[in-house]
Amino acid sequence: MAKQETAVETPVETGSRPGFKPTPRMWIYLGMVAVMYASGLIYAAMNGLSIRSLYLYGLLQPPGLSGEEARLAEIPTPLSWNIPEVVWFIYIKACAVLVELFQYWAIGMLIAAALVVFVSWEKVKAKMGYGGLKANFLAAGAGAVIPICSCGIVPVLAGMVEAGIPLGPTMAFLIAAPMLNVPTVFMTAGILGWSMAVARILATFAIALAVGQVLTMWQRKHRNPRRFLKIHVPPKLSADLQQFAFRCGMLAVQHPEGIPAEQLGEGSEAKLERLEEAGLMEKTPAGLWKLIDSGSAEIKSVGACAVLPVGDTSYASWQERAAEMFRMGYRLFIQLNGYLVLAVLIAGAIKVLLPTSLITEWVGGTALNSVLVASAVAVLAYVCTYVEVPTALALMSKGMGPGATLAYLLGGPGLSLPSIAMLSGVFRAKVLVLYVGVSFVGCVLAGYVYNLFV
């Protein structure tokens, strides 16, 4: 669905930013988003369903519902061998999810663009380096207090990594934001009790710090962000580093096999490492430095003309920064729409083929009432942040145990298949495997440990 495709960069004069020209595939995805968004609203209006529930919860439900019922109730889906009917319901429920998700998606794009434009990449790198326990803890804490739900976290992550924030803190923020934030803590405490809320806090930080530390070690070993990311925008560089980058570029063009650091003068090794962190230069096994071949690296929307970025001096005023923010937001939005379409179609399929009533049968009772099953269900189910608590309450009424409930609360918001599909537009496979693997194991362990104390 969302096959990676490199957009076209239009070469321009030195001192101006490369132009961005969307590919035909990107326009097709944009058109699909527009059609699906309109389909969700039209279907709800024609069938007398609640428009409010579309925007709040992505649900197709009759008007007038309130309380916890409004977070869970949805029109019944006929399960039959009538394939066209099943496909239609998958589509229309995907459209409903898109209506809810799109507003967070668009806001997330602007936040991402603001991070890229207004945050000094070099200052962030100088202060945070490759992350570490303190930086990862602070990032997880920020995710716990900033109310960004799982629906809008992906574009924000793209902005964080492009602004120079190390992968460890970025992933710690990714885990904490959907799994844990202030409203969900109080909702969990009020509905499920403070012991469950405290366990959720501790487990979230443990998982976030574990993933963050592994990524910190990876990035210390491999500075080039293109080893971990699928999308890359050349960062803004200071005037001094920008001049050094141009000098490196001119020499590298003349010596495609690479240039030794000594040829660039004393202290060049540190500057070259900084350019490697920016995704512009790389060190060969022979110890030489060369320009990164963006084509072979399969990085979206980065052409050879973008290797030498322009830096902070290109912004003469705050008005120009604001204009660049909207241009960057548009660029990220166009690039990632394919993953948005893929995610909502997966969510629609889950809602039709794996309804909540079926899930309650799986995790309810005693035969399959286990932490492992609940963790697996959390991956398969589509649960947006703020909806996981009432859903967990419904599951508990069917017999789900306390440990399984905790595992579901942790995995439901951020570890679902639609979320993973969207993250695949930003991170490479090994980062996704680390995120999913450690998070899943963390959910299971947290649930089993919690069972020992209740």
Protein backbone atom coordinates (compact mmCIF):
# COMPACT_ATOMS: atom_id res chain seq x y z
CA MET A 1 0.00 0.00 0.00
CA ALA A 2 2.45 2.62 1.18
CA LYS A 3 5.41 1.62 -0.94
CA GLN A 4 8.40 3.81 -0.31
CA GLU A 5 9.06 6.21 -3.17
CA THR A 6 11.61 8.94 -3.54
CA ALA A 7 10.18 12.35 -4.32
CA VAL A 8 11.83 14.68 -6.79
CA GLU A 9 14.12 17.43 -5.57
CA THR A 10 14.42 20.35 -7.98
CA PRO A 11 18.00 21.68 -8.14
CA VAL A 12 18.24 25.33 -7.24
CA GLU A 13 20.83 28.06 -6.85
CA THR A 14 23.20 27.91 -3.88
CA GLY A 15 21.70 29.64 -0.84
CA SER A 16 18.09 28.60 -1.42
CA ARG A 17 16.28 25.47 -0.33
CA PRO A 18 15.72 22.55 -2.72
CA GLY A 19 12.30 22.45 -4.28
CA PHE A 20 9.93 19.61 -3.43
CA LYS A 21 7.85 18.00 -6.15
CA PRO A 22 5.43 15.26 -5.04
CA THR A 23 5.39 12.06 -7.06
CA PRO A 24 2.20 10.79 -8.78
CA ARG A 25 1.89 8.10 -6.09
CA MET A 26 1.83 10.77 -3.39
CA TRP A 27 -1.00 12.61 -5.18
CA ILE A 28 -2.94 9.35 -5.41
CA TYR A 29 -2.65 8.82 -1.65
CA LEU A 30 -3.75 12.41 -1.02
CA GLY A 31 -6.79 11.82 -3.19
CA MET A 32 -7.59 8.62 -1.29
CA VAL A 33 -7.42 10.50 2.01
CA ALA A 34 -9.82 13.15 0.70
CA VAL A 35 -12.30 10.59 -0.67
CA MET A 36 -12.26 8.48 2.50
CA TYR A 37 -12.69 11.53 4.74
CA ALA A 38 -15.72 12.66 2.72
CA SER A 39 -17.11 9.11 2.64
CA GLY A 40 -17.12 8.88 6.43
CA LEU A 41 -18.99 12.14 6.87
CA ILE A 42 -21.48 11.45 4.06
CA TYR A 43 -22.26 7.94 5.34
CA ALA A 44 -22.87 9.22 8.87
CA ALA A 45 -25.11 12.06 7.64
CA MET A 46 -27.16 9.87 5.27
CA ASN A 47 -27.74 7.21 7.96
CA GLY A 48 -28.56 9.60 10.80
CA LEU A 49 -25.42 8.73 12.76
CA SER A 50 -23.53 10.98 15.16
CA ILE A 51 -21.01 13.30 13.49
CA ARG A 52 -19.66 14.14 16.96
CA SER A 53 -18.71 10.52 17.65
CA LEU A 54 -16.77 10.43 14.38
CA TYR A 55 -14.51 13.28 15.44
CA LEU A 56 -14.17 12.18 19.07
CA TYR A 57 -13.80 8.41 18.78
CA GLY A 58 -13.87 7.42 15.10
CA LEU A 59 -17.07 5.44 15.72
CA LEU A 60 -20.20 5.02 13.65
CA GLN A 61 -22.95 5.18 16.27
CA PRO A 62 -26.46 6.58 16.74
CA PRO A 63 -26.72 10.10 18.23
CA GLY A 64 -27.57 10.75 21.84
CA LEU A 65 -25.22 8.30 23.54
CA SER A 66 -23.21 9.54 26.52
CA GLY A 67 -20.75 8.34 29.16
CA GLU A 68 -18.67 5.24 28.61
CA GLU A 69 -21.19 3.87 26.14
CA ALA A 70 -20.32 6.71 23.73
CA ARG A 71 -16.67 5.57 23.71
CA LEU A 72 -17.49 1.97 22.78
CA ALA A 73 -20.85 1.66 20.99
CA GLU A 74 -20.80 1.18 17.23
CA ILE A 75 -23.23 0.03 14.57
CA PRO A 76 -23.24 -3.78 14.25
CA THR A 77 -21.13 -5.33 11.54
CA PRO A 78 -22.61 -8.37 9.80
CA LEU A 79 -20.08 -11.19 9.70
CA SER A 80 -20.88 -13.32 6.67
CA TRP A 81 -19.38 -14.84 3.54
CA ASN A 82 -20.78 -11.95 1.51
CA ILE A 83 -17.35 -10.63 0.55
CA PRO A 84 -18.53 -7.35 -1.08
CA GLU A 85 -20.53 -6.51 2.05
CA VAL A 86 -17.57 -7.26 4.34
CA VAL A 87 -15.23 -5.18 2.16
CA TRP A 88 -17.72 -2.30 2.21
CA PHE A 89 -17.90 -2.31 6.01
CA ILE A 90 -14.10 -2.46 6.25
CA TYR A 91 -13.92 0.58 4.00
CA ILE A 92 -16.60 2.62 5.77
CA LYS A 93 -15.22 1.88 9.24
CA ALA A 94 -11.75 2.80 7.99
CA CYS A 95 -13.25 6.09 6.79
CA ALA A 96 -14.70 6.68 10.26
CA VAL A 97 -11.28 6.12 11.84
CA LEU A 98 -9.74 8.52 9.31
CA VAL A 99 -12.18 11.30 10.24
CA GLU A 100 -11.05 11.07 13.87
CA LEU A 101 -7.37 10.54 13.12
CA PHE A 102 -6.97 13.23 10.45
CA GLN A 103 -7.25 16.20 12.81
CA TYR A 104 -4.44 14.85 14.99
CA TRP A 105 -2.46 13.92 11.89
CA ALA A 106 -2.63 17.47 10.51
CA ILE A 107 -1.74 19.09 13.85
CA GLY A 108 1.11 16.62 14.24
CA MET A 109 2.50 17.69 10.87
CA LEU A 110 2.62 21.34 11.97
CA ILE A 111 4.29 20.40 15.27
CA ALA A 112 6.84 18.34 13.35
CA ALA A 113 7.52 21.19 10.94
CA ALA A 114 7.88 23.67 13.81
CA LEU A 115 10.49 21.40 15.42
CA VAL A 116 12.48 21.23 12.19
CA VAL A 117 12.34 24.98 11.50
CA PHE A 118 12.53 26.58 14.94
CA VAL A 119 14.71 24.15 16.91
CA SER A 120 18.45 24.51 16.43
CA TRP A 121 19.72 21.11 15.30
CA GLU A 122 23.30 21.84 16.36
CA LYS A 123 22.30 23.08 19.81
CA VAL A 124 20.21 19.97 20.40
CA LYS A 125 23.05 17.69 19.31
CA ALA A 126 25.55 19.58 21.46
CA LYS A 127 23.32 19.33 24.53
CA MET A 128 21.86 15.84 24.14
CA GLY A 129 24.56 13.99 22.19
CA TYR A 130 23.24 10.48 21.58
CA GLY A 131 20.88 10.52 24.52
CA GLY A 132 21.42 8.52 27.68
CA LEU A 133 19.49 7.58 30.79
CA LYS A 134 18.80 11.16 31.88
CA ALA A 135 17.71 12.33 28.42
CA ASN A 136 15.57 9.23 27.93
CA PHE A 137 13.94 9.70 31.33
CA LEU A 138 13.16 13.36 30.61
CA ALA A 139 11.71 12.44 27.20
CA ALA A 140 9.53 9.73 28.73
CA GLY A 141 8.40 12.25 31.35
CA ALA A 142 7.53 14.74 28.62
CA GLY A 143 5.52 12.09 26.82
CA ALA A 144 3.68 11.35 30.05
CA VAL A 145 2.53 14.95 30.52
CA ILE A 146 2.09 16.19 26.92
CA PRO A 147 -1.38 15.11 25.73
CA ILE A 148 -0.48 13.73 22.29
CA CYS A 149 -2.46 10.60 21.54
CA SER A 150 -1.31 7.70 19.40
CA CYS A 151 -3.23 9.14 16.45
CA GLY A 152 -0.95 12.17 16.13
CA ILE A 153 2.36 10.93 17.50
CA VAL A 154 3.91 9.68 14.23
CA PRO A 155 4.37 13.05 12.46
CA VAL A 156 5.65 14.56 15.71
CA LEU A 157 8.29 11.83 15.83
CA ALA A 158 9.38 12.71 12.30
CA GLY A 159 9.90 16.30 13.43
CA MET A 160 11.80 15.23 16.54
CA VAL A 161 14.35 13.14 14.66
CA GLU A 162 14.78 15.82 11.98
CA ALA A 163 15.30 18.46 14.69
CA GLY A 164 18.28 16.48 15.98
CA ILE A 165 16.74 14.83 19.03
CA PRO A 166 18.53 11.49 19.50
CA LEU A 167 16.71 8.26 18.73
CA GLY A 168 16.76 7.05 22.35
CA PRO A 169 14.79 10.00 23.78
CA THR A 170 12.60 10.08 20.67
CA MET A 171 11.57 6.46 21.14
CA ALA A 172 11.12 6.95 24.89
CA PHE A 173 8.73 9.80 24.08
CA LEU A 174 6.96 7.64 21.48
CA ILE A 175 6.31 4.90 24.04
CA ALA A 176 5.26 7.14 26.92
CA ALA A 177 2.95 9.51 25.04
CA PRO A 178 0.28 6.98 23.96
CA MET A 179 0.76 4.53 26.87
CA LEU A 180 0.72 7.15 29.57
CA ASN A 181 -0.40 10.77 29.93
CA VAL A 182 -2.04 12.78 32.67
CA PRO A 183 -5.68 12.34 31.55
CA THR A 184 -5.29 8.56 31.15
CA VAL A 185 -3.62 8.24 34.56
CA PHE A 186 -6.56 9.86 36.33
CA MET A 187 -9.02 7.95 34.15
CA THR A 188 -7.29 4.69 35.03
CA ALA A 189 -7.24 5.56 38.74
CA GLY A 190 -10.88 6.65 38.78
CA ILE A 191 -12.23 3.61 36.94
CA LEU A 192 -9.75 0.81 37.70
CA GLY A 193 -8.09 1.99 40.91
CA TRP A 194 -4.84 3.70 41.91
CA SER A 195 -2.87 0.47 42.14
CA MET A 196 -3.51 -0.11 38.44
CA ALA A 197 -2.62 3.52 37.65
CA VAL A 198 0.70 3.34 39.56
CA ALA A 199 1.55 0.02 37.90
CA ARG A 200 0.84 1.60 34.52
CA ILE A 201 3.20 4.49 35.29
CA LEU A 202 6.05 2.26 36.44
CA ALA A 203 5.69 -0.21 33.57
CA THR A 204 5.56 2.55 30.95
CA PHE A 205 8.77 4.17 32.20
CA ALA A 206 10.50 0.78 32.39
CA ILE A 207 9.61 -0.07 28.79
CA ALA A 208 10.46 3.44 27.51
CA LEU A 209 13.85 3.49 29.22
CA ALA A 210 14.74 -0.03 28.04
CA VAL A 211 14.05 0.79 24.38
CA GLY A 212 15.66 4.21 24.70
CA GLN A 213 18.89 2.82 26.13
CA VAL A 214 19.27 0.24 23.37
CA LEU A 215 18.78 2.91 20.70
CA THR A 216 21.25 5.19 22.46
CA MET A 217 23.89 2.47 22.21
CA TRP A 218 23.02 1.84 18.55
CA GLN A 219 23.33 5.51 17.66
CA ARG A 220 26.66 5.88 19.44
CA LYS A 221 27.95 3.07 17.23
CA HIS A 222 26.28 4.22 14.00
CA ARG A 223 25.97 8.01 13.83
CA ASN A 224 24.31 8.18 10.42
CA PRO A 225 20.53 8.58 10.99
CA ARG A 226 19.81 7.01 7.61
CA ARG A 227 20.61 3.63 9.13
CA PHE A 228 17.53 4.00 11.33
CA LEU A 229 15.17 6.34 9.45
CA LYS A 230 13.24 6.13 6.19
CA ILE A 231 12.60 9.85 5.93
CA HIS A 232 15.25 12.54 6.10
CA VAL A 233 15.29 16.31 5.71
CA PRO A 234 18.73 17.98 5.69
CA PRO A 235 18.97 19.94 8.97
CA LYS A 236 19.70 23.63 9.32
CA LEU A 237 23.41 24.15 9.99
CA SER A 238 25.27 27.09 11.48
CA ALA A 239 27.16 29.32 9.06
CA ASP A 240 30.50 27.83 10.12
CA LEU A 241 29.43 24.21 9.71
CA GLN A 242 27.61 25.09 6.49
CA GLN A 243 30.81 26.49 4.96
CA PHE A 244 32.67 23.37 6.07
CA ALA A 245 29.96 21.22 4.46
CA PHE A 246 30.34 23.05 1.14
CA ARG A 247 34.08 22.58 1.29
CA CYS A 248 33.68 18.87 1.98
CA GLY A 249 31.18 18.59 -0.84
CA MET A 250 33.48 20.20 -3.40
CA LEU A 251 36.37 17.91 -2.43
CA ALA A 252 34.17 14.82 -2.28
CA VAL A 253 32.90 15.45 -5.82
CA GLN A 254 36.51 15.49 -7.03
CA HIS A 255 37.37 12.37 -4.99
CA PRO A 256 34.30 10.08 -5.00
CA GLU A 257 36.28 7.30 -3.29
CA GLY A 258 36.54 9.55 -0.22
CA ILE A 259 38.83 12.11 1.39
CA PRO A 260 40.95 11.84 4.54
CA ALA A 261 40.06 14.09 7.46
CA GLU A 262 43.64 15.40 7.54
CA GLN A 263 43.11 16.99 4.14
CA LEU A 264 40.49 19.29 5.63
CA GLY A 265 42.73 20.63 8.39
CA GLU A 266 43.04 20.31 12.16
CA GLY A 267 39.84 19.60 14.06
CA SER A 268 38.03 18.37 10.94
CA GLU A 269 37.27 14.91 12.36
CA ALA A 270 34.77 16.34 14.89
CA LYS A 271 33.05 18.43 12.22
CA LEU A 272 32.87 15.44 9.88
CA GLU A 273 31.26 13.40 12.64
CA ARG A 274 28.70 16.18 13.06
CA LEU A 275 27.94 16.03 9.32
CA GLU A 276 27.61 12.25 9.65
CA GLU A 277 25.06 12.80 12.41
CA ALA A 278 23.23 15.13 10.02
CA GLY A 279 23.07 12.37 7.43
CA LEU A 280 25.29 14.21 4.94
CA MET A 281 28.68 12.43 5.12
CA GLU A 282 29.75 8.89 5.94
CA LYS A 283 33.01 7.18 6.82
CA THR A 284 34.19 4.34 4.62
CA PRO A 285 35.81 1.15 5.96
CA ALA A 286 39.12 2.61 4.73
CA GLY A 287 38.71 5.60 7.05
CA LEU A 288 37.90 8.08 4.28
CA TRP A 289 34.92 10.44 4.21
CA LYS A 290 32.49 10.76 1.31
CA LEU A 291 29.09 12.20 0.50
CA ILE A 292 26.17 9.91 1.25
CA ASP A 293 24.52 8.49 -1.84
CA SER A 294 20.89 9.29 -1.06
CA GLY A 295 19.66 7.09 -3.89
CA SER A 296 21.29 3.93 -2.60
CA ALA A 297 20.24 4.79 0.95
CA GLU A 298 16.59 4.75 -0.14
CA ILE A 299 15.76 7.87 1.80
CA LYS A 300 12.58 9.64 0.84
CA SER A 301 12.65 13.08 -0.77
CA VAL A 302 16.38 13.69 -0.53
CA GLY A 303 18.30 14.28 -3.73
CA ALA A 304 21.98 14.92 -4.31
CA CYS A 305 21.27 18.63 -4.58
CA ALA A 306 20.07 18.58 -0.98
CA VAL A 307 23.40 17.39 0.41
CA LEU A 308 24.62 20.91 1.09
CA PRO A 309 21.94 22.58 3.25
CA VAL A 310 21.60 26.31 3.70
CA GLY A 311 21.55 26.80 7.46
CA ASP A 312 19.96 29.30 9.86
CA THR A 313 21.09 32.35 7.93
CA SER A 314 18.50 31.60 5.23
CA TYR A 315 15.77 32.90 7.53
CA ALA A 316 15.75 36.68 7.52
CA SER A 317 12.63 37.03 9.68
CA TRP A 318 10.09 35.18 11.79
CA GLN A 319 7.66 35.51 8.90
CA GLU A 320 10.03 33.49 6.72
CA ARG A 321 10.37 30.88 9.46
CA ALA A 322 6.58 30.60 9.70
CA ALA A 323 6.31 30.24 5.92
CA GLU A 324 8.99 27.55 5.95
CA MET A 325 7.14 25.77 8.77
CA PHE A 326 3.99 25.49 6.65
CA ARG A 327 6.02 24.38 3.62
CA MET A 328 7.73 21.71 5.72
CA GLY A 329 4.39 20.61 7.19
CA TYR A 330 2.95 20.26 3.68
CA ARG A 331 6.00 18.28 2.61
CA LEU A 332 5.78 15.82 5.50
CA PHE A 333 2.01 15.54 5.05
CA ILE A 334 2.34 14.64 1.36
CA GLN A 335 5.14 12.15 2.03
CA LEU A 336 3.42 10.16 4.77
CA ASN A 337 -0.19 9.95 3.54
CA GLY A 338 0.32 6.47 2.15
CA TYR A 339 1.02 5.15 5.64
CA LEU A 340 -2.04 6.96 6.97
CA VAL A 341 -4.23 5.20 4.39
CA LEU A 342 -2.63 1.84 5.21
CA ALA A 343 -3.16 2.36 8.94
CA VAL A 344 -6.87 3.24 8.73
CA LEU A 345 -7.56 0.33 6.37
CA ILE A 346 -5.92 -2.02 8.87
CA ALA A 347 -8.01 -0.44 11.63
CA GLY A 348 -11.18 -0.87 9.57
CA ALA A 349 -10.38 -4.53 8.94
CA ILE A 350 -9.73 -5.10 12.64
CA LYS A 351 -13.03 -3.47 13.60
CA VAL A 352 -14.97 -5.68 11.18
CA LEU A 353 -13.10 -8.97 11.55
CA LEU A 354 -12.15 -8.62 15.22
CA PRO A 355 -14.99 -6.74 16.97
CA THR A 356 -14.89 -5.94 20.69
CA SER A 357 -17.49 -8.59 21.45
CA LEU A 358 -15.18 -11.27 20.04
CA ILE A 359 -12.19 -9.91 21.95
CA THR A 360 -14.10 -10.12 25.23
CA GLU A 361 -14.74 -13.79 24.57
CA TRP A 362 -11.03 -14.41 23.99
CA VAL A 363 -9.76 -12.74 27.14
CA GLY A 364 -12.78 -13.34 29.34
CA GLY A 365 -13.51 -16.35 31.49
CA THR A 366 -10.78 -18.66 32.70
CA ALA A 367 -9.61 -20.77 29.75
CA LEU A 368 -7.85 -17.99 27.82
CA ASN A 369 -7.70 -15.40 30.58
CA SER A 370 -3.94 -14.80 30.42
CA VAL A 371 -1.53 -11.90 30.23
CA LEU A 372 -0.03 -13.27 27.02
CA VAL A 373 -3.38 -13.40 25.23
CA ALA A 374 -4.27 -9.90 26.42
CA SER A 375 -0.94 -8.57 25.14
CA ALA A 376 -1.51 -10.22 21.76
CA VAL A 377 -5.04 -8.82 21.61
CA ALA A 378 -3.63 -5.35 22.33
CA VAL A 379 -1.48 -5.64 19.20
CA LEU A 380 -4.37 -6.92 17.06
CA ALA A 381 -7.01 -4.52 18.35
CA TYR A 382 -7.25 -0.86 17.32
CA VAL A 383 -7.62 1.24 20.47
CA CYS A 384 -6.97 4.98 20.35
CA THR A 385 -5.73 6.73 23.49
CA TYR A 386 -8.49 7.61 26.02
CA VAL A 387 -10.62 4.69 24.77
CA GLU A 388 -8.48 1.88 26.23
CA VAL A 389 -9.71 2.40 29.83
CA PRO A 390 -13.46 1.93 29.20
CA THR A 391 -12.62 -0.93 26.84
CA ALA A 392 -10.53 -2.55 29.58
CA LEU A 393 -13.43 -2.09 32.01
CA ALA A 394 -15.70 -3.95 29.59
CA LEU A 395 -13.12 -6.71 29.30
CA MET A 396 -12.80 -6.97 33.09
CA SER A 397 -16.55 -7.41 33.35
CA LYS A 398 -16.06 -10.47 31.13
CA GLY A 399 -13.51 -11.92 33.51
CA MET A 400 -10.15 -10.51 32.42
CA GLY A 401 -7.67 -10.62 35.31
CA PRO A 402 -5.72 -7.65 36.73
CA GLY A 403 -2.38 -8.54 35.11
CA ALA A 404 -3.99 -9.06 31.72
CA THR A 405 -5.81 -5.74 32.14
CA LEU A 406 -2.53 -3.92 32.78
CA ALA A 407 -0.94 -5.57 29.72
CA TYR A 408 -3.89 -4.48 27.61
CA LEU A 409 -3.74 -0.89 28.91
CA LEU A 410 -0.05 -0.67 28.04
CA GLY A 411 -0.19 -2.28 24.62
CA GLY A 412 -3.55 -1.11 23.33
CA PRO A 413 -2.87 2.58 22.59
CA GLY A 414 0.61 2.42 21.07
CA LEU A 415 1.30 -1.17 20.03
CA SER A 416 -1.59 -1.81 17.66
CA LEU A 417 -1.11 -2.81 14.02
CA PRO A 418 -2.31 0.56 12.65
CA SER A 419 0.23 2.38 14.83
CA ILE A 420 3.00 0.05 13.68
CA ALA A 421 1.97 0.63 10.05
CA MET A 422 2.28 4.39 10.47
CA LEU A 423 5.62 4.09 12.26
CA SER A 424 6.94 2.04 9.34
CA GLY A 425 6.85 5.27 7.35
CA VAL A 426 9.48 6.82 9.64
CA PHE A 427 11.63 4.01 11.09
CA ARG A 428 13.53 1.19 9.45
CA ALA A 429 12.74 -2.46 10.19
CA LYS A 430 15.29 -3.03 12.97
CA VAL A 431 14.00 -0.03 14.94
CA LEU A 432 10.41 -1.25 14.56
CA VAL A 433 11.40 -4.77 15.64
CA LEU A 434 13.10 -3.36 18.73
CA TYR A 435 10.10 -1.16 19.58
CA VAL A 436 7.51 -3.89 19.08
CA GLY A 437 9.58 -6.68 20.63
CA VAL A 438 10.62 -4.89 23.81
CA SER A 439 7.20 -3.28 24.25
CA PHE A 440 5.39 -6.60 23.86
CA VAL A 441 7.71 -8.40 26.26
CA GLY A 442 7.43 -5.46 28.65
CA CYS A 443 3.63 -5.66 28.59
CA VAL A 444 3.71 -9.38 29.35
CA LEU A 445 6.26 -9.04 32.16
CA ALA A 446 4.41 -6.10 33.70
CA GLY A 447 1.18 -8.07 33.72
CA TYR A 448 2.73 -11.15 35.33
CA VAL A 449 4.55 -9.06 37.97
CA TYR A 450 1.36 -7.15 38.75
CA ASN A 451 -0.48 -10.43 39.31
CA LEU A 452 2.05 -11.29 42.01
CA PHE A 453 1.12 -8.21 44.07
CA VAL A 454 -2.68 -8.16 43.79
